[in-house]
Amino acid sequence: MSSRKKTLLKVIILGDSGVGKTSLMQQFVNKKFSHQYKATIGADFLTKELPIDDKTVTMQIWDTAGQERFQSLGVAFYRGADCCILVYDVNNAKSFESLLAWKDEFLIQANVSLPETFPFIVIGNKIDIDENKRVVSYKKAAQVCQQLGNVPYFETSAKDGINVEEAFDVVSRNALQQEEANDEFNDDYNDAINIHLDGEAGNCTC
């Protein structure tokens, strides 16, 4: 029996309603695409086990509602996330402009301990639609991702499966890195508490 610890990675998908969050998750986990649009109510998740280098990890992918009236329900689902995917539709300028707001809201609601190093991935979805309908160029999106802190950027088609595997591969690796960093942070934090409890409290000059 293997004594190797199984790693659970929690990934959150955020973005405006209708950008294809559910379709991306279904394409990655089940290799399926549905032409029927059905808005996510609250949040839903799927899991997928996959190998990363010498480890076996289970990705728990949370698909959250994009409508404003459901956003308050997302708070409980953000906690403990190891990576956040920000999705927009390359044919919808408003969904692209909303990315920063989704990023900021996630950092606040998830109560991330080190927000400057938390891994985000940006996905521009629906590249299968007529190129003439596209309103957000690759160059513009890549520039914004660079301004957000060199966030990895992928353009995908959940319908045709284009770049979905590649995007989630980077998501899984970044999430694993974050999970391991959190473990180290918690170990250091617990050591600091133990040292403080064992010693006498010092004077605070702050």
C-alpha atoms as a PDB file:
ATOM      1  CA  MET A   1       0.000   0.000   0.000  1.00  0.00           C
ATOM      2  CA  SER A   2       1.368   3.396  -1.015  1.00  0.00           C
ATOM      3  CA  SER A   3       2.141   5.772   1.822  1.00  0.00           C
ATOM      4  CA  ARG A   4       2.305   8.700  -0.598  1.00  0.00           C
ATOM      5  CA  LYS A   5      -0.016  11.499   0.420  1.00  0.00           C
ATOM      6  CA  LYS A   6      -2.837  12.184  -2.015  1.00  0.00           C
ATOM      7  CA  THR A   7      -2.987  15.844  -2.861  1.00  0.00           C
ATOM      8  CA  LEU A   8      -6.310  17.623  -3.333  1.00  0.00           C
ATOM      9  CA  LEU A   9      -6.105  20.822  -5.354  1.00  0.00           C
ATOM     10  CA  LYS A  10      -9.002  23.247  -5.202  1.00  0.00           C
ATOM     11  CA  VAL A  11      -9.448  25.377  -8.318  1.00  0.00           C
ATOM     12  CA  ILE A  12     -12.041  28.132  -8.746  1.00  0.00           C
ATOM     13  CA  ILE A  13     -13.361  29.298 -12.135  1.00  0.00           C
ATOM     14  CA  LEU A  14     -14.640  32.892 -12.204  1.00  0.00           C
ATOM     15  CA  GLY A  15     -15.992  35.184 -14.897  1.00  0.00           C
ATOM     16  CA  ASP A  16     -19.138  36.803 -16.213  1.00  0.00           C
ATOM     17  CA  SER A  17     -22.220  34.760 -16.991  1.00  0.00           C
ATOM     18  CA  GLY A  18     -22.142  33.027 -20.379  1.00  0.00           C
ATOM     19  CA  VAL A  19     -18.372  33.073 -21.000  1.00  0.00           C
ATOM     20  CA  GLY A  20     -18.152  29.264 -20.943  1.00  0.00           C
ATOM     21  CA  LYS A  21     -16.941  28.395 -17.440  1.00  0.00           C
ATOM     22  CA  THR A  22     -19.101  25.277 -17.180  1.00  0.00           C
ATOM     23  CA  SER A  23     -18.229  24.217 -20.728  1.00  0.00           C
ATOM     24  CA  LEU A  24     -14.482  24.496 -20.031  1.00  0.00           C
ATOM     25  CA  MET A  25     -14.829  22.379 -16.891  1.00  0.00           C
ATOM     26  CA  GLN A  26     -16.964  19.753 -18.703  1.00  0.00           C
ATOM     27  CA  GLN A  27     -14.566  19.632 -21.655  1.00  0.00           C
ATOM     28  CA  PHE A  28     -11.543  19.128 -19.396  1.00  0.00           C
ATOM     29  CA  VAL A  29     -13.097  16.569 -17.040  1.00  0.00           C
ATOM     30  CA  ASN A  30     -15.548  14.678 -19.288  1.00  0.00           C
ATOM     31  CA  LYS A  31     -14.471  15.622 -22.848  1.00  0.00           C
ATOM     32  CA  LYS A  32     -18.045  16.777 -23.471  1.00  0.00           C
ATOM     33  CA  PHE A  33     -19.642  19.926 -24.835  1.00  0.00           C
ATOM     34  CA  SER A  34     -23.318  20.868 -24.676  1.00  0.00           C
ATOM     35  CA  HIS A  35     -24.879  23.378 -27.068  1.00  0.00           C
ATOM     36  CA  GLN A  36     -27.613  24.084 -24.520  1.00  0.00           C
ATOM     37  CA  TYR A  37     -26.811  26.993 -22.225  1.00  0.00           C
ATOM     38  CA  LYS A  38     -27.850  26.591 -18.622  1.00  0.00           C
ATOM     39  CA  ALA A  39     -26.775  29.178 -16.048  1.00  0.00           C
ATOM     40  CA  THR A  40     -24.991  27.817 -12.985  1.00  0.00           C
ATOM     41  CA  ILE A  41     -26.957  28.355  -9.786  1.00  0.00           C
ATOM     42  CA  GLY A  42     -24.643  29.039  -6.844  1.00  0.00           C
ATOM     43  CA  ALA A  43     -21.706  26.713  -7.465  1.00  0.00           C
ATOM     44  CA  ASP A  44     -20.969  23.221  -8.682  1.00  0.00           C
ATOM     45  CA  PHE A  45     -17.780  21.166  -8.887  1.00  0.00           C
ATOM     46  CA  LEU A  46     -16.220  18.233 -10.711  1.00  0.00           C
ATOM     47  CA  THR A  47     -13.089  16.281  -9.813  1.00  0.00           C
ATOM     48  CA  LYS A  48     -10.380  14.800 -11.981  1.00  0.00           C
ATOM     49  CA  GLU A  49      -7.375  12.748 -10.917  1.00  0.00           C
ATOM     50  CA  LEU A  50      -4.210  13.343 -12.890  1.00  0.00           C
ATOM     51  CA  PRO A  51      -0.451  12.733 -12.654  1.00  0.00           C
ATOM     52  CA  ILE A  52       1.899  15.684 -12.199  1.00  0.00           C
ATOM     53  CA  ASP A  53       5.519  14.577 -12.485  1.00  0.00           C
ATOM     54  CA  ASP A  54       5.856  11.888  -9.761  1.00  0.00           C
ATOM     55  CA  LYS A  55       2.635  12.761  -7.933  1.00  0.00           C
ATOM     56  CA  THR A  56      -1.008  11.870  -8.332  1.00  0.00           C
ATOM     57  CA  VAL A  57      -3.277  14.806  -7.595  1.00  0.00           C
ATOM     58  CA  THR A  58      -7.032  15.248  -7.513  1.00  0.00           C
ATOM     59  CA  MET A  59      -8.257  18.514  -8.954  1.00  0.00           C
ATOM     60  CA  GLN A  60     -11.502  19.750  -7.476  1.00  0.00           C
ATOM     61  CA  ILE A  61     -12.751  22.339  -9.964  1.00  0.00           C
ATOM     62  CA  TRP A  62     -15.432  24.745  -8.736  1.00  0.00           C
ATOM     63  CA  ASP A  63     -17.647  26.387 -11.313  1.00  0.00           C
ATOM     64  CA  THR A  64     -19.308  29.454  -9.817  1.00  0.00           C
ATOM     65  CA  ALA A  65     -22.283  31.511 -10.933  1.00  0.00           C
ATOM     66  CA  GLY A  66     -21.479  34.602 -12.971  1.00  0.00           C
ATOM     67  CA  GLN A  67     -24.694  36.481 -12.231  1.00  0.00           C
ATOM     68  CA  GLU A  68     -24.406  39.250  -9.654  1.00  0.00           C
ATOM     69  CA  ARG A  69     -27.325  37.966  -7.592  1.00  0.00           C
ATOM     70  CA  PHE A  70     -25.413  34.761  -6.874  1.00  0.00           C
ATOM     71  CA  GLN A  71     -21.986  36.260  -6.204  1.00  0.00           C
ATOM     72  CA  SER A  72     -22.506  36.400  -2.437  1.00  0.00           C
ATOM     73  CA  LEU A  73     -22.934  32.604  -2.477  1.00  0.00           C
ATOM     74  CA  GLY A  74     -19.427  32.240  -3.891  1.00  0.00           C
ATOM     75  CA  VAL A  75     -17.626  33.425  -0.775  1.00  0.00           C
ATOM     76  CA  ALA A  76     -17.758  30.078   1.031  1.00  0.00           C
ATOM     77  CA  PHE A  77     -16.538  28.277  -2.090  1.00  0.00           C
ATOM     78  CA  TYR A  78     -13.470  30.519  -2.576  1.00  0.00           C
ATOM     79  CA  ARG A  79     -11.869  29.566   0.743  1.00  0.00           C
ATOM     80  CA  GLY A  80      -8.953  27.156   0.532  1.00  0.00           C
ATOM     81  CA  ALA A  81      -8.458  27.614  -3.210  1.00  0.00           C
ATOM     82  CA  ASP A  82      -5.037  26.769  -4.673  1.00  0.00           C
ATOM     83  CA  CYS A  83      -5.543  28.503  -8.030  1.00  0.00           C
ATOM     84  CA  CYS A  84      -8.123  30.762  -9.678  1.00  0.00           C
ATOM     85  CA  ILE A  85      -9.052  30.724 -13.370  1.00  0.00           C
ATOM     86  CA  LEU A  86     -10.429  34.000 -14.743  1.00  0.00           C
ATOM     87  CA  VAL A  87     -12.478  33.417 -17.893  1.00  0.00           C
ATOM     88  CA  TYR A  88     -13.801  35.845 -20.480  1.00  0.00           C
ATOM     89  CA  ASP A  89     -15.309  35.573 -23.961  1.00  0.00           C
ATOM     90  CA  VAL A  90     -13.017  36.974 -26.706  1.00  0.00           C
ATOM     91  CA  ASN A  91     -16.186  38.175 -28.486  1.00  0.00           C
ATOM     92  CA  ASN A  92     -17.497  40.097 -25.462  1.00  0.00           C
ATOM     93  CA  ALA A  93     -15.624  43.243 -24.368  1.00  0.00           C
ATOM     94  CA  LYS A  94     -17.564  43.612 -21.099  1.00  0.00           C
ATOM     95  CA  SER A  95     -16.556  40.135 -19.922  1.00  0.00           C
ATOM     96  CA  PHE A  96     -12.902  41.061 -20.557  1.00  0.00           C
ATOM     97  CA  GLU A  97     -13.227  44.358 -18.678  1.00  0.00           C
ATOM     98  CA  SER A  98     -14.685  42.478 -15.682  1.00  0.00           C
ATOM     99  CA  LEU A  99     -11.560  40.337 -15.141  1.00  0.00           C
ATOM    100  CA  LEU A 100      -9.861  42.723 -12.719  1.00  0.00           C
ATOM    101  CA  ALA A 101     -13.028  43.039 -10.606  1.00  0.00           C
ATOM    102  CA  TRP A 102     -13.310  39.237 -10.403  1.00  0.00           C
ATOM    103  CA  LYS A 103      -9.631  38.989  -9.416  1.00  0.00           C
ATOM    104  CA  ASP A 104      -9.976  41.632  -6.695  1.00  0.00           C
ATOM    105  CA  GLU A 105     -13.170  40.117  -5.336  1.00  0.00           C
ATOM    106  CA  PHE A 106     -11.597  36.672  -5.166  1.00  0.00           C
ATOM    107  CA  LEU A 107      -8.583  37.932  -3.189  1.00  0.00           C
ATOM    108  CA  ILE A 108     -10.848  39.712  -0.695  1.00  0.00           C
ATOM    109  CA  GLN A 109     -13.403  36.918  -0.261  1.00  0.00           C
ATOM    110  CA  ALA A 110     -10.907  34.031  -0.268  1.00  0.00           C
ATOM    111  CA  ASN A 111      -8.833  35.704   2.440  1.00  0.00           C
ATOM    112  CA  VAL A 112      -5.612  34.711   0.660  1.00  0.00           C
ATOM    113  CA  SER A 113      -2.581  34.890   2.987  1.00  0.00           C
ATOM    114  CA  LEU A 114      -0.098  35.988   0.265  1.00  0.00           C
ATOM    115  CA  PRO A 115      -2.148  37.707  -2.477  1.00  0.00           C
ATOM    116  CA  GLU A 116       0.896  38.900  -4.437  1.00  0.00           C
ATOM    117  CA  THR A 117       2.037  35.319  -5.127  1.00  0.00           C
ATOM    118  CA  PHE A 118      -1.356  33.601  -5.490  1.00  0.00           C
ATOM    119  CA  PRO A 119      -1.630  31.888  -8.908  1.00  0.00           C
ATOM    120  CA  PHE A 120      -4.181  33.149 -11.417  1.00  0.00           C
ATOM    121  CA  ILE A 121      -4.687  31.943 -14.996  1.00  0.00           C
ATOM    122  CA  VAL A 122      -6.617  33.946 -17.605  1.00  0.00           C
ATOM    123  CA  ILE A 123      -8.551  32.131 -20.336  1.00  0.00           C
ATOM    124  CA  GLY A 124     -10.037  33.832 -23.394  1.00  0.00           C
ATOM    125  CA  ASN A 125     -12.725  31.388 -24.500  1.00  0.00           C
ATOM    126  CA  LYS A 126     -14.863  30.917 -27.651  1.00  0.00           C
ATOM    127  CA  ILE A 127     -12.099  31.371 -30.255  1.00  0.00           C
ATOM    128  CA  ASP A 128     -14.107  28.971 -32.483  1.00  0.00           C
ATOM    129  CA  ILE A 129     -16.592  31.772 -33.246  1.00  0.00           C
ATOM    130  CA  ASP A 130     -16.165  33.780 -36.480  1.00  0.00           C
ATOM    131  CA  GLU A 131     -12.912  35.782 -36.304  1.00  0.00           C
ATOM    132  CA  ASN A 132     -14.778  38.891 -37.536  1.00  0.00           C
ATOM    133  CA  LYS A 133     -16.893  38.900 -34.361  1.00  0.00           C
ATOM    134  CA  ARG A 134     -13.865  38.951 -32.115  1.00  0.00           C
ATOM    135  CA  VAL A 135     -13.486  42.166 -30.098  1.00  0.00           C
ATOM    136  CA  VAL A 136     -10.523  41.416 -27.787  1.00  0.00           C
ATOM    137  CA  SER A 137      -7.224  40.800 -29.573  1.00  0.00           C
ATOM    138  CA  TYR A 138      -4.621  38.326 -28.334  1.00  0.00           C
ATOM    139  CA  LYS A 139      -2.104  41.158 -28.025  1.00  0.00           C
ATOM    140  CA  LYS A 140      -4.409  43.297 -25.847  1.00  0.00           C
ATOM    141  CA  ALA A 141      -5.265  40.366 -23.570  1.00  0.00           C
ATOM    142  CA  ALA A 142      -1.610  39.344 -23.220  1.00  0.00           C
ATOM    143  CA  GLN A 143      -0.663  42.923 -22.276  1.00  0.00           C
ATOM    144  CA  VAL A 144      -3.343  43.066 -19.566  1.00  0.00           C
ATOM    145  CA  CYS A 145      -2.188  39.692 -18.176  1.00  0.00           C
ATOM    146  CA  GLN A 146       1.343  41.050 -17.998  1.00  0.00           C
ATOM    147  CA  GLN A 147       0.076  44.093 -16.070  1.00  0.00           C
ATOM    148  CA  LEU A 148      -1.770  41.767 -13.677  1.00  0.00           C
ATOM    149  CA  GLY A 149       1.593  40.256 -12.708  1.00  0.00           C
ATOM    150  CA  ASN A 150       2.664  38.051 -15.641  1.00  0.00           C
ATOM    151  CA  VAL A 151      -0.462  35.915 -15.325  1.00  0.00           C
ATOM    152  CA  PRO A 152      -0.398  32.955 -17.777  1.00  0.00           C
ATOM    153  CA  TYR A 153      -2.836  33.485 -20.661  1.00  0.00           C
ATOM    154  CA  PHE A 154      -4.539  30.917 -22.888  1.00  0.00           C
ATOM    155  CA  GLU A 155      -7.064  31.203 -25.683  1.00  0.00           C
ATOM    156  CA  THR A 156      -9.441  28.262 -25.847  1.00  0.00           C
ATOM    157  CA  SER A 157     -12.477  26.744 -27.454  1.00  0.00           C
ATOM    158  CA  ALA A 158     -14.438  24.684 -24.957  1.00  0.00           C
ATOM    159  CA  LYS A 159     -16.568  23.557 -27.909  1.00  0.00           C
ATOM    160  CA  ASP A 160     -13.684  22.168 -29.981  1.00  0.00           C
ATOM    161  CA  GLY A 161     -11.362  21.354 -27.072  1.00  0.00           C
ATOM    162  CA  ILE A 162      -8.654  23.729 -28.337  1.00  0.00           C
ATOM    163  CA  ASN A 163      -5.990  24.504 -25.696  1.00  0.00           C
ATOM    164  CA  VAL A 164      -8.214  23.277 -22.828  1.00  0.00           C
ATOM    165  CA  GLU A 165      -5.822  20.488 -21.756  1.00  0.00           C
ATOM    166  CA  GLU A 166      -2.831  22.839 -22.064  1.00  0.00           C
ATOM    167  CA  ALA A 167      -4.478  25.517 -19.928  1.00  0.00           C
ATOM    168  CA  PHE A 168      -5.507  23.094 -17.189  1.00  0.00           C
ATOM    169  CA  ASP A 169      -2.036  21.523 -17.175  1.00  0.00           C
ATOM    170  CA  VAL A 170      -0.592  24.917 -16.175  1.00  0.00           C
ATOM    171  CA  VAL A 171      -3.471  25.395 -13.707  1.00  0.00           C
ATOM    172  CA  SER A 172      -2.736  22.050 -12.025  1.00  0.00           C
ATOM    173  CA  ARG A 173       1.022  22.683 -11.781  1.00  0.00           C
ATOM    174  CA  ASN A 174       0.554  26.201 -10.391  1.00  0.00           C
ATOM    175  CA  ALA A 175      -2.090  24.951  -7.962  1.00  0.00           C
ATOM    176  CA  LEU A 176       0.235  22.184  -6.739  1.00  0.00           C
ATOM    177  CA  GLN A 177       3.019  24.715  -6.229  1.00  0.00           C
ATOM    178  CA  GLN A 178       0.631  26.933  -4.245  1.00  0.00           C
ATOM    179  CA  GLU A 179      -0.613  24.026  -2.131  1.00  0.00           C
ATOM    180  CA  GLU A 180       2.957  23.054  -1.251  1.00  0.00           C
ATOM    181  CA  ALA A 181       3.805  26.682  -0.444  1.00  0.00           C
ATOM    182  CA  ASN A 182       0.757  26.860   1.844  1.00  0.00           C
ATOM    183  CA  ASP A 183       1.923  23.717   3.649  1.00  0.00           C
ATOM    184  CA  GLU A 184       5.350  25.294   4.228  1.00  0.00           C
ATOM    185  CA  PHE A 185       3.778  28.567   5.335  1.00  0.00           C
ATOM    186  CA  ASN A 186       1.531  26.773   7.825  1.00  0.00           C
ATOM    187  CA  ASP A 187       4.472  24.744   9.187  1.00  0.00           C
ATOM    188  CA  ASP A 188       6.515  27.935   9.659  1.00  0.00           C
ATOM    189  CA  TYR A 189       3.516  29.666  11.221  1.00  0.00           C
ATOM    190  CA  ASN A 190       2.950  26.817  13.677  1.00  0.00           C
ATOM    191  CA  ASP A 191       6.662  26.778  14.571  1.00  0.00           C
ATOM    192  CA  ALA A 192       6.504  30.529  15.236  1.00  0.00           C
ATOM    193  CA  ILE A 193       3.496  30.066  17.520  1.00  0.00           C
ATOM    194  CA  ASN A 194       5.233  27.283  19.423  1.00  0.00           C
ATOM    195  CA  ILE A 195       8.376  29.385  19.884  1.00  0.00           C
ATOM    196  CA  HIS A 196       6.269  32.298  21.118  1.00  0.00           C
ATOM    197  CA  LEU A 197       4.341  30.102  23.556  1.00  0.00           C
ATOM    198  CA  ASP A 198       7.507  28.502  24.894  1.00  0.00           C
ATOM    199  CA  GLY A 199       9.243  31.825  25.462  1.00  0.00           C
ATOM    200  CA  GLU A 200       8.180  34.955  27.264  1.00  0.00           C
ATOM    201  CA  ALA A 201       6.139  37.570  25.456  1.00  0.00           C
ATOM    202  CA  GLY A 202       8.275  40.506  24.372  1.00  0.00           C
ATOM    203  CA  ASN A 203       7.367  44.170  24.506  1.00  0.00           C
ATOM    204  CA  CYS A 204       5.637  45.501  21.424  1.00  0.00           C
ATOM    205  CA  THR A 205       6.847  48.883  20.213  1.00  0.00           C
ATOM    206  CA  CYS A 206       4.537  48.994  17.169  1.00  0.00           C
END
